[in-house]
Amino acid sequence: MKVKNIANIDEFFKAIDACKGRVELVTGEGDRLNLKSKLSQYVSLAKIFSNGEIPELELVAYEKEDIDRLIHFMMNDK
């Protein structure tokens, strides 16, 4: 799923952390990084966060409840 214009990064990570299964960030090169890992969160996304907002990410979640949680976050992120 594509996630766009994430303004509240802290809440985004809280939504990721609340997921039960694996949630991956797909890089431009096609690599998949486990966003449940704090190290991956900080290291792999540091460049994206440099301006305080995430313009667009491609995420893969494997559990239906996690997909629903992320969709709910995207619809309610202000």
Protein backbone atom coordinates (compact mmCIF):
# COMPACT_ATOMS: atom_id res chain seq x y z
CA MET A 1 0.00 0.00 0.00
CA LYS A 2 1.12 3.54 -0.69
CA VAL A 3 1.15 5.91 2.26
CA LYS A 4 1.32 9.62 1.50
CA ASN A 5 1.86 12.87 3.38
CA ILE A 6 2.49 11.55 6.86
CA ALA A 7 2.66 14.64 9.04
CA ASN A 8 2.63 13.02 12.48
CA ILE A 9 5.68 10.77 12.48
CA ASP A 10 5.37 9.82 16.16
CA GLU A 11 1.81 8.57 15.64
CA PHE A 12 2.90 6.76 12.47
CA PHE A 13 5.50 4.80 14.46
CA LYS A 14 2.96 4.12 17.21
CA ALA A 15 0.63 2.62 14.59
CA ILE A 16 3.51 0.51 13.23
CA ASP A 17 4.50 -0.62 16.73
CA ALA A 18 0.90 -1.63 17.48
CA CYS A 19 0.80 -3.96 14.48
CA LYS A 20 0.87 -7.67 15.33
CA GLY A 21 2.71 -8.90 12.25
CA ARG A 22 5.56 -7.80 10.06
CA VAL A 23 5.34 -4.38 8.40
CA GLU A 24 7.89 -3.63 5.71
CA LEU A 25 9.03 -0.49 3.94
CA VAL A 26 9.75 -1.09 0.26
CA THR A 27 12.67 1.06 -0.88
CA GLY A 28 13.07 2.57 -4.33
CA GLU A 29 15.51 -0.24 -5.09
CA GLY A 30 12.94 -2.89 -4.12
CA ASP A 31 14.54 -3.83 -0.80
CA ARG A 32 12.19 -4.56 2.09
CA LEU A 33 13.04 -3.20 5.52
CA ASN A 34 11.30 -4.40 8.68
CA LEU A 35 9.66 -1.32 10.23
CA LYS A 36 8.98 -3.19 13.46
CA SER A 37 12.72 -2.87 14.11
CA LYS A 38 13.60 0.38 15.86
CA LEU A 39 17.01 0.33 14.19
CA SER A 40 15.37 0.14 10.75
CA GLN A 41 12.99 2.94 11.71
CA TYR A 42 15.80 5.30 12.66
CA VAL A 43 18.44 4.36 10.12
CA SER A 44 16.44 3.67 6.97
CA LEU A 45 14.03 6.58 7.29
CA ALA A 46 16.37 9.32 8.54
CA LYS A 47 16.62 10.94 5.11
CA ILE A 48 12.88 10.90 4.58
CA PHE A 49 12.28 12.59 7.94
CA SER A 50 14.78 15.38 7.32
CA ASN A 51 12.02 17.85 6.42
CA GLY A 52 9.60 16.68 9.15
CA GLU A 53 7.08 15.07 6.81
CA ILE A 54 7.00 11.83 4.86
CA PRO A 55 5.78 12.53 1.31
CA GLU A 56 5.21 8.90 0.20
CA LEU A 57 6.11 5.38 1.32
CA GLU A 58 5.26 1.94 0.08
CA LEU A 59 4.40 -0.40 2.94
CA VAL A 60 3.63 -4.11 3.02
CA ALA A 61 1.65 -5.51 5.95
CA TYR A 62 0.79 -9.19 6.11
CA GLU A 63 -1.99 -9.29 8.71
CA LYS A 64 -5.47 -7.99 7.87
CA GLU A 65 -5.82 -6.25 11.24
CA ASP A 66 -2.51 -4.47 10.62
CA ILE A 67 -3.66 -3.30 7.20
CA ASP A 68 -6.88 -2.03 8.78
CA ARG A 69 -4.88 -0.26 11.52
CA LEU A 70 -2.64 1.48 8.96
CA ILE A 71 -5.60 2.50 6.80
CA HIS A 72 -7.32 3.91 9.90
CA PHE A 73 -4.15 5.86 10.73
CA MET A 74 -3.94 7.28 7.20
CA MET A 75 -7.58 8.34 7.23
CA ASN A 76 -7.25 10.06 10.61
CA ASP A 77 -3.70 11.52 10.43
CA LYS A 78 -3.99 15.29 10.62
